[in-house]
Amino acid sequence: MTDIVIGAGSGIGEAIARRLTSDSDRLLLADVDVSAAERVAGELGREVQVFRCDITSRDDLGAVADAAGPVSRLVLTAGLSPTMAPGRRVMEVDLVGTALVVDAFAARMGPGSAALVLSSMAGHFVPAVPEIDAVLDQPLAPTLCDDLAALGVDVDEAGTAYGYAKRGVLRLVRREAAAWGGRGARLLSLSPGIIDTPMGRQENEAQPVMAQMVDGSPLGRAIDADEVASVATFLVSSAASAMTGTDVLVDGGVVAVMAG
């Protein structure tokens, strides 16, 4: 059985790869930046397969899935933050790409297996609007962004697109969990808060309000990648065998405070 981390080249994905390596029979790392994934693989002290993978490419995902065979644990951390790309590209990677990963690996996940995809605390701040949720629930529709725009969602604004994409991921996991359960597999999401990683620091510099959110949180500090990785590895382990179809916030309490 194979364990896979997609987005393993840095940050949370790298931290998860390091944790999984200790008890993984076969480990496969993938990242759109293949040199970054190769660096991580080279530091693990064991044989690891590495693939370049753009999660919006069915061909890339098919190649990884074919190489993997039956999968025990799958973790997807690849994604774009609002400062990294225009809004529609953020939507394409963070929601459409996640849906493509879930679709590509569904048949590879059998009894006892688990998949975890990253959402974000940002998804918890997006209000429930039935008409918009109905569009988010069709992430592979070719008109996704245009349909959201027609309902008043500014998909060209990266921060807005990011929040709606992550809400879509939360809904995707809830919606698909029953089908996965029919195969004996689990599907979960994890929503990090403000993380002390290169991507997180880039966002913090662009959005000073994030520092205020950290200061006002119960934890009172940013979270590091290994703290998220510890929760992620628990969720895909047999110790979390009763958990599926749900999201776990790892945000230092930011959502609890801001939600009142």
C-alpha atoms as a PDB file:
ATOM      1  CA  MET A   1       0.000   0.000   0.000  1.00  0.00           C
ATOM      2  CA  THR A   2       1.162   3.503  -0.863  1.00  0.00           C
ATOM      3  CA  ASP A   3       1.079   6.738   1.101  1.00  0.00           C
ATOM      4  CA  ILE A   4       0.945   9.940  -0.951  1.00  0.00           C
ATOM      5  CA  VAL A   5       1.515  13.599  -0.137  1.00  0.00           C
ATOM      6  CA  ILE A   6       0.643  16.041  -2.913  1.00  0.00           C
ATOM      7  CA  GLY A   7       2.167  19.433  -2.195  1.00  0.00           C
ATOM      8  CA  ALA A   8       5.096  17.873  -0.346  1.00  0.00           C
ATOM      9  CA  GLY A   9       7.724  20.355  -1.481  1.00  0.00           C
ATOM     10  CA  SER A  10       7.337  22.877   1.324  1.00  0.00           C
ATOM     11  CA  GLY A  11       5.387  24.027   4.354  1.00  0.00           C
ATOM     12  CA  ILE A  12       2.645  21.807   5.725  1.00  0.00           C
ATOM     13  CA  GLY A  13       3.075  19.190   2.997  1.00  0.00           C
ATOM     14  CA  GLU A  14       6.761  18.809   3.772  1.00  0.00           C
ATOM     15  CA  ALA A  15       6.046  18.480   7.496  1.00  0.00           C
ATOM     16  CA  ILE A  16       3.432  15.788   6.838  1.00  0.00           C
ATOM     17  CA  ALA A  17       5.799  13.869   4.553  1.00  0.00           C
ATOM     18  CA  ARG A  18       8.415  13.841   7.301  1.00  0.00           C
ATOM     19  CA  ARG A  19       5.913  12.455   9.783  1.00  0.00           C
ATOM     20  CA  LEU A  20       4.510   9.778   7.480  1.00  0.00           C
ATOM     21  CA  THR A  21       7.894   8.425   6.476  1.00  0.00           C
ATOM     22  CA  SER A  22       8.489   6.674   9.797  1.00  0.00           C
ATOM     23  CA  ASP A  23       5.696   4.117   9.340  1.00  0.00           C
ATOM     24  CA  SER A  24       5.044   4.141   5.605  1.00  0.00           C
ATOM     25  CA  ASP A  25       5.670   0.989   3.581  1.00  0.00           C
ATOM     26  CA  ARG A  26       5.844   2.971   0.349  1.00  0.00           C
ATOM     27  CA  LEU A  27       5.890   6.764   0.091  1.00  0.00           C
ATOM     28  CA  LEU A  28       5.187   8.892  -2.949  1.00  0.00           C
ATOM     29  CA  LEU A  29       5.698  12.662  -2.955  1.00  0.00           C
ATOM     30  CA  ALA A  30       4.314  15.027  -5.571  1.00  0.00           C
ATOM     31  CA  ASP A  31       4.498  18.765  -6.132  1.00  0.00           C
ATOM     32  CA  VAL A  32       4.189  21.188  -9.026  1.00  0.00           C
ATOM     33  CA  ASP A  33       7.755  22.193  -8.057  1.00  0.00           C
ATOM     34  CA  VAL A  34       9.373  18.809  -8.546  1.00  0.00           C
ATOM     35  CA  SER A  35      12.800  20.021  -7.429  1.00  0.00           C
ATOM     36  CA  ALA A  36      11.342  20.993  -4.060  1.00  0.00           C
ATOM     37  CA  ALA A  37       9.766  17.546  -3.664  1.00  0.00           C
ATOM     38  CA  GLU A  38      13.051  15.931  -4.652  1.00  0.00           C
ATOM     39  CA  ARG A  39      14.853  17.937  -1.958  1.00  0.00           C
ATOM     40  CA  VAL A  40      12.407  16.703   0.683  1.00  0.00           C
ATOM     41  CA  ALA A  41      12.667  13.130  -0.572  1.00  0.00           C
ATOM     42  CA  GLY A  42      16.459  13.309  -0.434  1.00  0.00           C
ATOM     43  CA  GLU A  43      16.335  14.343   3.211  1.00  0.00           C
ATOM     44  CA  LEU A  44      14.061  11.519   4.351  1.00  0.00           C
ATOM     45  CA  GLY A  45      16.779   8.875   4.359  1.00  0.00           C
ATOM     46  CA  ARG A  46      14.764   6.275   2.477  1.00  0.00           C
ATOM     47  CA  GLU A  47      13.581   5.401  -1.008  1.00  0.00           C
ATOM     48  CA  VAL A  48      10.796   7.735  -2.102  1.00  0.00           C
ATOM     49  CA  GLN A  49       9.146   8.185  -5.483  1.00  0.00           C
ATOM     50  CA  VAL A  50       8.762  11.774  -6.650  1.00  0.00           C
ATOM     51  CA  PHE A  51       6.430  13.160  -9.295  1.00  0.00           C
ATOM     52  CA  ARG A  52       5.729  16.555 -10.751  1.00  0.00           C
ATOM     53  CA  CYS A  53       2.012  17.142 -10.327  1.00  0.00           C
ATOM     54  CA  ASP A  54      -0.208  20.070 -11.231  1.00  0.00           C
ATOM     55  CA  ILE A  55      -3.485  19.172  -9.515  1.00  0.00           C
ATOM     56  CA  THR A  56      -5.485  20.889 -12.253  1.00  0.00           C
ATOM     57  CA  SER A  57      -4.064  18.402 -14.783  1.00  0.00           C
ATOM     58  CA  ARG A  58      -5.961  15.136 -15.140  1.00  0.00           C
ATOM     59  CA  ASP A  59      -2.925  13.688 -16.924  1.00  0.00           C
ATOM     60  CA  ASP A  60      -0.584  14.522 -14.031  1.00  0.00           C
ATOM     61  CA  LEU A  61      -3.013  13.103 -11.484  1.00  0.00           C
ATOM     62  CA  GLY A  62      -3.549   9.983 -13.576  1.00  0.00           C
ATOM     63  CA  ALA A  63       0.187   9.367 -13.731  1.00  0.00           C
ATOM     64  CA  VAL A  64       0.503   9.626  -9.949  1.00  0.00           C
ATOM     65  CA  ALA A  65      -2.525   7.405  -9.371  1.00  0.00           C
ATOM     66  CA  ASP A  66      -1.279   4.769 -11.808  1.00  0.00           C
ATOM     67  CA  ALA A  67       2.131   4.710 -10.137  1.00  0.00           C
ATOM     68  CA  ALA A  68       0.599   4.502  -6.675  1.00  0.00           C
ATOM     69  CA  GLY A  69      -1.703   1.546  -7.088  1.00  0.00           C
ATOM     70  CA  PRO A  70      -3.760   0.876  -3.930  1.00  0.00           C
ATOM     71  CA  VAL A  71      -3.464   3.841  -1.547  1.00  0.00           C
ATOM     72  CA  SER A  72      -3.461   3.694   2.232  1.00  0.00           C
ATOM     73  CA  ARG A  73      -3.106   7.394   3.110  1.00  0.00           C
ATOM     74  CA  LEU A  74      -3.491  10.379   0.801  1.00  0.00           C
ATOM     75  CA  VAL A  75      -2.859  13.964   1.876  1.00  0.00           C
ATOM     76  CA  LEU A  76      -3.401  16.959  -0.382  1.00  0.00           C
ATOM     77  CA  THR A  77      -1.828  20.226   0.725  1.00  0.00           C
ATOM     78  CA  ALA A  78      -1.193  21.802  -2.695  1.00  0.00           C
ATOM     79  CA  GLY A  79      -2.941  25.099  -3.282  1.00  0.00           C
ATOM     80  CA  LEU A  80      -2.639  28.815  -3.899  1.00  0.00           C
ATOM     81  CA  SER A  81      -3.068  31.634  -1.419  1.00  0.00           C
ATOM     82  CA  PRO A  82      -4.568  35.000  -2.444  1.00  0.00           C
ATOM     83  CA  THR A  83      -1.227  36.717  -3.059  1.00  0.00           C
ATOM     84  CA  MET A  84       0.003  33.979  -5.372  1.00  0.00           C
ATOM     85  CA  ALA A  85      -2.381  34.216  -8.328  1.00  0.00           C
ATOM     86  CA  PRO A  86      -5.455  35.969  -9.775  1.00  0.00           C
ATOM     87  CA  GLY A  87      -8.808  34.990  -8.337  1.00  0.00           C
ATOM     88  CA  ARG A  88      -9.937  32.637 -11.082  1.00  0.00           C
ATOM     89  CA  ARG A  89      -6.669  30.715 -10.939  1.00  0.00           C
ATOM     90  CA  VAL A  90      -7.017  30.447  -7.155  1.00  0.00           C
ATOM     91  CA  MET A  91     -10.488  28.978  -7.672  1.00  0.00           C
ATOM     92  CA  GLU A  92      -9.175  26.614 -10.352  1.00  0.00           C
ATOM     93  CA  VAL A  93      -6.411  25.223  -8.148  1.00  0.00           C
ATOM     94  CA  ASP A  94      -7.959  25.304  -4.687  1.00  0.00           C
ATOM     95  CA  LEU A  95     -11.447  24.011  -5.487  1.00  0.00           C
ATOM     96  CA  VAL A  96     -11.367  22.477  -8.973  1.00  0.00           C
ATOM     97  CA  GLY A  97      -7.949  20.903  -8.334  1.00  0.00           C
ATOM     98  CA  THR A  98      -9.117  19.417  -5.037  1.00  0.00           C
ATOM     99  CA  ALA A  99     -12.193  17.952  -6.738  1.00  0.00           C
ATOM    100  CA  LEU A 100      -9.980  16.453  -9.441  1.00  0.00           C
ATOM    101  CA  VAL A 101      -7.737  14.831  -6.817  1.00  0.00           C
ATOM    102  CA  VAL A 102     -10.721  13.338  -4.983  1.00  0.00           C
ATOM    103  CA  ASP A 103     -12.045  12.034  -8.306  1.00  0.00           C
ATOM    104  CA  ALA A 104      -8.684  10.665  -9.466  1.00  0.00           C
ATOM    105  CA  PHE A 105      -7.966   8.668  -6.323  1.00  0.00           C
ATOM    106  CA  ALA A 106     -11.442   7.519  -5.273  1.00  0.00           C
ATOM    107  CA  ALA A 107     -11.023   4.120  -6.920  1.00  0.00           C
ATOM    108  CA  ARG A 108      -7.590   3.672  -5.298  1.00  0.00           C
ATOM    109  CA  MET A 109      -8.934   4.004  -1.759  1.00  0.00           C
ATOM    110  CA  GLY A 110     -10.221   0.826  -0.132  1.00  0.00           C
ATOM    111  CA  PRO A 111     -11.070  -0.511   3.329  1.00  0.00           C
ATOM    112  CA  GLY A 112      -9.112   1.200   6.067  1.00  0.00           C
ATOM    113  CA  SER A 113      -7.716   3.945   3.844  1.00  0.00           C
ATOM    114  CA  ALA A 114      -8.070   7.677   4.430  1.00  0.00           C
ATOM    115  CA  ALA A 115      -7.665  10.879   2.451  1.00  0.00           C
ATOM    116  CA  LEU A 116      -7.228  14.361   3.851  1.00  0.00           C
ATOM    117  CA  VAL A 117      -7.507  17.586   1.853  1.00  0.00           C
ATOM    118  CA  LEU A 118      -6.650  21.063   3.066  1.00  0.00           C
ATOM    119  CA  SER A 119      -9.299  23.730   3.281  1.00  0.00           C
ATOM    120  CA  SER A 120      -8.757  26.888   5.362  1.00  0.00           C
ATOM    121  CA  MET A 121     -10.329  28.801   8.196  1.00  0.00           C
ATOM    122  CA  ALA A 122     -11.259  31.303   5.456  1.00  0.00           C
ATOM    123  CA  GLY A 123     -13.900  28.866   4.250  1.00  0.00           C
ATOM    124  CA  HIS A 124     -15.624  29.112   7.629  1.00  0.00           C
ATOM    125  CA  PHE A 125     -16.148  32.855   7.235  1.00  0.00           C
ATOM    126  CA  VAL A 126     -18.073  32.588   3.949  1.00  0.00           C
ATOM    127  CA  PRO A 127     -21.831  32.865   4.548  1.00  0.00           C
ATOM    128  CA  ALA A 128     -24.197  30.126   3.476  1.00  0.00           C
ATOM    129  CA  VAL A 129     -26.172  31.207   0.416  1.00  0.00           C
ATOM    130  CA  PRO A 130     -28.120  28.301  -1.119  1.00  0.00           C
ATOM    131  CA  GLU A 131     -27.804  29.494  -4.716  1.00  0.00           C
ATOM    132  CA  ILE A 132     -24.050  30.000  -4.389  1.00  0.00           C
ATOM    133  CA  ASP A 133     -23.550  26.721  -2.544  1.00  0.00           C
ATOM    134  CA  ALA A 134     -25.364  24.935  -5.357  1.00  0.00           C
ATOM    135  CA  VAL A 135     -22.749  26.283  -7.788  1.00  0.00           C
ATOM    136  CA  LEU A 136     -19.857  25.418  -5.478  1.00  0.00           C
ATOM    137  CA  ASP A 137     -21.257  21.890  -5.330  1.00  0.00           C
ATOM    138  CA  GLN A 138     -20.492  21.484  -9.054  1.00  0.00           C
ATOM    139  CA  PRO A 139     -16.749  22.236  -8.975  1.00  0.00           C
ATOM    140  CA  LEU A 140     -15.983  20.463 -12.236  1.00  0.00           C
ATOM    141  CA  ALA A 141     -18.572  22.421 -14.229  1.00  0.00           C
ATOM    142  CA  PRO A 142     -16.731  24.376 -16.956  1.00  0.00           C
ATOM    143  CA  THR A 143     -18.793  27.475 -16.146  1.00  0.00           C
ATOM    144  CA  LEU A 144     -18.008  27.448 -12.398  1.00  0.00           C
ATOM    145  CA  CYS A 145     -16.433  30.906 -12.183  1.00  0.00           C
ATOM    146  CA  ASP A 146     -18.908  32.528 -14.564  1.00  0.00           C
ATOM    147  CA  ASP A 147     -21.828  31.029 -12.657  1.00  0.00           C
ATOM    148  CA  LEU A 148     -20.448  32.368  -9.362  1.00  0.00           C
ATOM    149  CA  ALA A 149     -19.888  35.786 -10.932  1.00  0.00           C
ATOM    150  CA  ALA A 150     -23.485  35.831 -12.161  1.00  0.00           C
ATOM    151  CA  LEU A 151     -24.565  35.437  -8.525  1.00  0.00           C
ATOM    152  CA  GLY A 152     -22.456  38.399  -7.410  1.00  0.00           C
ATOM    153  CA  VAL A 153     -19.287  36.613  -6.252  1.00  0.00           C
ATOM    154  CA  ASP A 154     -16.209  38.623  -7.269  1.00  0.00           C
ATOM    155  CA  VAL A 155     -14.169  35.672  -8.484  1.00  0.00           C
ATOM    156  CA  ASP A 156     -11.572  38.046  -9.941  1.00  0.00           C
ATOM    157  CA  GLU A 157     -10.642  39.252  -6.441  1.00  0.00           C
ATOM    158  CA  ALA A 158      -8.191  36.678  -5.125  1.00  0.00           C
ATOM    159  CA  GLY A 159      -9.159  36.897  -1.460  1.00  0.00           C
ATOM    160  CA  THR A 160     -12.841  36.452  -2.253  1.00  0.00           C
ATOM    161  CA  ALA A 161     -12.142  33.576  -4.627  1.00  0.00           C
ATOM    162  CA  TYR A 162      -9.979  31.909  -1.970  1.00  0.00           C
ATOM    163  CA  GLY A 163     -12.706  31.990   0.672  1.00  0.00           C
ATOM    164  CA  TYR A 164     -15.345  30.596  -1.650  1.00  0.00           C
ATOM    165  CA  ALA A 165     -12.971  27.945  -2.985  1.00  0.00           C
ATOM    166  CA  LYS A 166     -12.267  26.755   0.539  1.00  0.00           C
ATOM    167  CA  ARG A 167     -15.976  26.705   1.395  1.00  0.00           C
ATOM    168  CA  GLY A 168     -16.404  24.549  -1.681  1.00  0.00           C
ATOM    169  CA  VAL A 169     -13.762  22.148  -0.362  1.00  0.00           C
ATOM    170  CA  LEU A 170     -15.596  21.832   2.966  1.00  0.00           C
ATOM    171  CA  ARG A 171     -18.799  20.987   1.121  1.00  0.00           C
ATOM    172  CA  LEU A 172     -17.024  18.577  -1.233  1.00  0.00           C
ATOM    173  CA  VAL A 173     -15.776  16.482   1.670  1.00  0.00           C
ATOM    174  CA  ARG A 174     -19.202  16.326   3.310  1.00  0.00           C
ATOM    175  CA  ARG A 175     -20.852  15.437   0.025  1.00  0.00           C
ATOM    176  CA  GLU A 176     -18.416  12.696  -1.041  1.00  0.00           C
ATOM    177  CA  ALA A 177     -17.889  11.018   2.334  1.00  0.00           C
ATOM    178  CA  ALA A 178     -20.827   8.628   1.966  1.00  0.00           C
ATOM    179  CA  ALA A 179     -19.594   7.258  -1.359  1.00  0.00           C
ATOM    180  CA  TRP A 180     -16.122   6.844   0.079  1.00  0.00           C
ATOM    181  CA  GLY A 181     -17.582   5.081   3.095  1.00  0.00           C
ATOM    182  CA  GLY A 182     -19.225   2.588   0.773  1.00  0.00           C
ATOM    183  CA  ARG A 183     -15.706   1.500  -0.216  1.00  0.00           C
ATOM    184  CA  GLY A 184     -14.529   1.429   3.388  1.00  0.00           C
ATOM    185  CA  ALA A 185     -12.496   4.628   2.970  1.00  0.00           C
ATOM    186  CA  ARG A 186     -12.564   7.887   4.893  1.00  0.00           C
ATOM    187  CA  LEU A 187     -12.447  11.461   3.523  1.00  0.00           C
ATOM    188  CA  LEU A 188     -11.712  14.499   5.679  1.00  0.00           C
ATOM    189  CA  SER A 189     -10.634  18.116   5.444  1.00  0.00           C
ATOM    190  CA  LEU A 190      -8.390  20.178   7.687  1.00  0.00           C
ATOM    191  CA  SER A 191      -8.618  23.959   7.934  1.00  0.00           C
ATOM    192  CA  PRO A 192      -5.395  25.644   9.045  1.00  0.00           C
ATOM    193  CA  GLY A 193      -5.400  29.150  10.428  1.00  0.00           C
ATOM    194  CA  ILE A 194      -2.513  31.570  10.173  1.00  0.00           C
ATOM    195  CA  ILE A 195       0.582  29.457   9.686  1.00  0.00           C
ATOM    196  CA  ASP A 196       4.246  30.332  10.113  1.00  0.00           C
ATOM    197  CA  THR A 197       5.388  29.044   6.727  1.00  0.00           C
ATOM    198  CA  PRO A 198       6.841  30.918   3.724  1.00  0.00           C
ATOM    199  CA  MET A 199       3.372  31.087   2.159  1.00  0.00           C
ATOM    200  CA  GLY A 200       1.823  32.184   5.439  1.00  0.00           C
ATOM    201  CA  ARG A 201       4.403  34.915   5.996  1.00  0.00           C
ATOM    202  CA  GLN A 202       3.798  36.198   2.475  1.00  0.00           C
ATOM    203  CA  GLU A 203       0.092  36.505   3.239  1.00  0.00           C
ATOM    204  CA  ASN A 204       0.766  38.170   6.584  1.00  0.00           C
ATOM    205  CA  GLU A 205       2.898  40.839   4.945  1.00  0.00           C
ATOM    206  CA  ALA A 206       0.184  41.578   2.393  1.00  0.00           C
ATOM    207  CA  GLN A 207      -2.655  41.597   4.927  1.00  0.00           C
ATOM    208  CA  PRO A 208      -1.779  43.299   8.251  1.00  0.00           C
ATOM    209  CA  VAL A 209      -5.191  42.309   9.633  1.00  0.00           C
ATOM    210  CA  MET A 210      -3.890  38.766   9.945  1.00  0.00           C
ATOM    211  CA  ALA A 211      -1.499  39.830  12.704  1.00  0.00           C
ATOM    212  CA  GLN A 212      -4.449  41.321  14.562  1.00  0.00           C
ATOM    213  CA  MET A 213      -6.329  38.041  14.198  1.00  0.00           C
ATOM    214  CA  VAL A 214      -3.364  36.165  15.674  1.00  0.00           C
ATOM    215  CA  ASP A 215      -3.005  38.607  18.565  1.00  0.00           C
ATOM    216  CA  GLY A 216      -6.706  38.345  19.350  1.00  0.00           C
ATOM    217  CA  SER A 217      -6.845  34.548  19.183  1.00  0.00           C
ATOM    218  CA  PRO A 218      -6.930  32.301  22.270  1.00  0.00           C
ATOM    219  CA  LEU A 219      -3.563  30.830  21.278  1.00  0.00           C
ATOM    220  CA  GLY A 220      -2.060  34.282  20.778  1.00  0.00           C
ATOM    221  CA  ARG A 221       0.485  33.191  18.179  1.00  0.00           C
ATOM    222  CA  ALA A 222       0.797  31.782  14.684  1.00  0.00           C
ATOM    223  CA  ILE A 223       0.812  28.011  14.221  1.00  0.00           C
ATOM    224  CA  ASP A 224       3.812  26.192  12.817  1.00  0.00           C
ATOM    225  CA  ALA A 225       3.658  23.622  10.050  1.00  0.00           C
ATOM    226  CA  ASP A 226       4.537  20.693  12.294  1.00  0.00           C
ATOM    227  CA  GLU A 227       1.595  21.443  14.592  1.00  0.00           C
ATOM    228  CA  VAL A 228      -0.721  21.129  11.599  1.00  0.00           C
ATOM    229  CA  ALA A 229       1.129  18.017  10.436  1.00  0.00           C
ATOM    230  CA  SER A 230       0.603  16.318  13.791  1.00  0.00           C
ATOM    231  CA  VAL A 231      -3.156  16.717  13.460  1.00  0.00           C
ATOM    232  CA  ALA A 232      -3.084  15.691   9.790  1.00  0.00           C
ATOM    233  CA  THR A 233      -1.212  12.466  10.477  1.00  0.00           C
ATOM    234  CA  PHE A 234      -3.626  11.619  13.274  1.00  0.00           C
ATOM    235  CA  LEU A 235      -6.620  12.135  10.965  1.00  0.00           C
ATOM    236  CA  VAL A 236      -5.308   9.688   8.354  1.00  0.00           C
ATOM    237  CA  SER A 237      -4.286   7.147  10.989  1.00  0.00           C
ATOM    238  CA  SER A 238      -6.309   4.249  12.375  1.00  0.00           C
ATOM    239  CA  ALA A 239      -6.607   6.204  15.627  1.00  0.00           C
ATOM    240  CA  ALA A 240      -9.140   8.452  13.852  1.00  0.00           C
ATOM    241  CA  SER A 241     -11.074   5.551  12.333  1.00  0.00           C
ATOM    242  CA  ALA A 242     -14.462   6.995  13.367  1.00  0.00           C
ATOM    243  CA  MET A 243     -13.864  10.354  11.699  1.00  0.00           C
ATOM    244  CA  THR A 244     -15.013  11.065   8.151  1.00  0.00           C
ATOM    245  CA  GLY A 245     -16.978  13.661   6.224  1.00  0.00           C
ATOM    246  CA  THR A 246     -15.961  16.445   8.553  1.00  0.00           C
ATOM    247  CA  ASP A 247     -13.535  19.347   8.840  1.00  0.00           C
ATOM    248  CA  VAL A 248     -11.044  19.944  11.631  1.00  0.00           C
ATOM    249  CA  LEU A 249      -9.993  23.511  12.411  1.00  0.00           C
ATOM    250  CA  VAL A 250      -6.355  24.007  13.398  1.00  0.00           C
ATOM    251  CA  ASP A 251      -6.486  27.772  13.767  1.00  0.00           C
ATOM    252  CA  GLY A 252      -5.535  28.606  17.320  1.00  0.00           C
ATOM    253  CA  GLY A 253      -9.151  29.539  18.049  1.00  0.00           C
ATOM    254  CA  VAL A 254      -9.435  32.391  15.531  1.00  0.00           C
ATOM    255  CA  VAL A 255     -12.784  31.227  14.130  1.00  0.00           C
ATOM    256  CA  ALA A 256     -14.203  30.675  17.626  1.00  0.00           C
ATOM    257  CA  VAL A 257     -13.394  34.261  18.607  1.00  0.00           C
ATOM    258  CA  MET A 258     -14.484  35.917  15.385  1.00  0.00           C
ATOM    259  CA  ALA A 259     -17.697  33.892  15.135  1.00  0.00           C
ATOM    260  CA  GLY A 260     -18.662  35.126  18.577  1.00  0.00           C
END
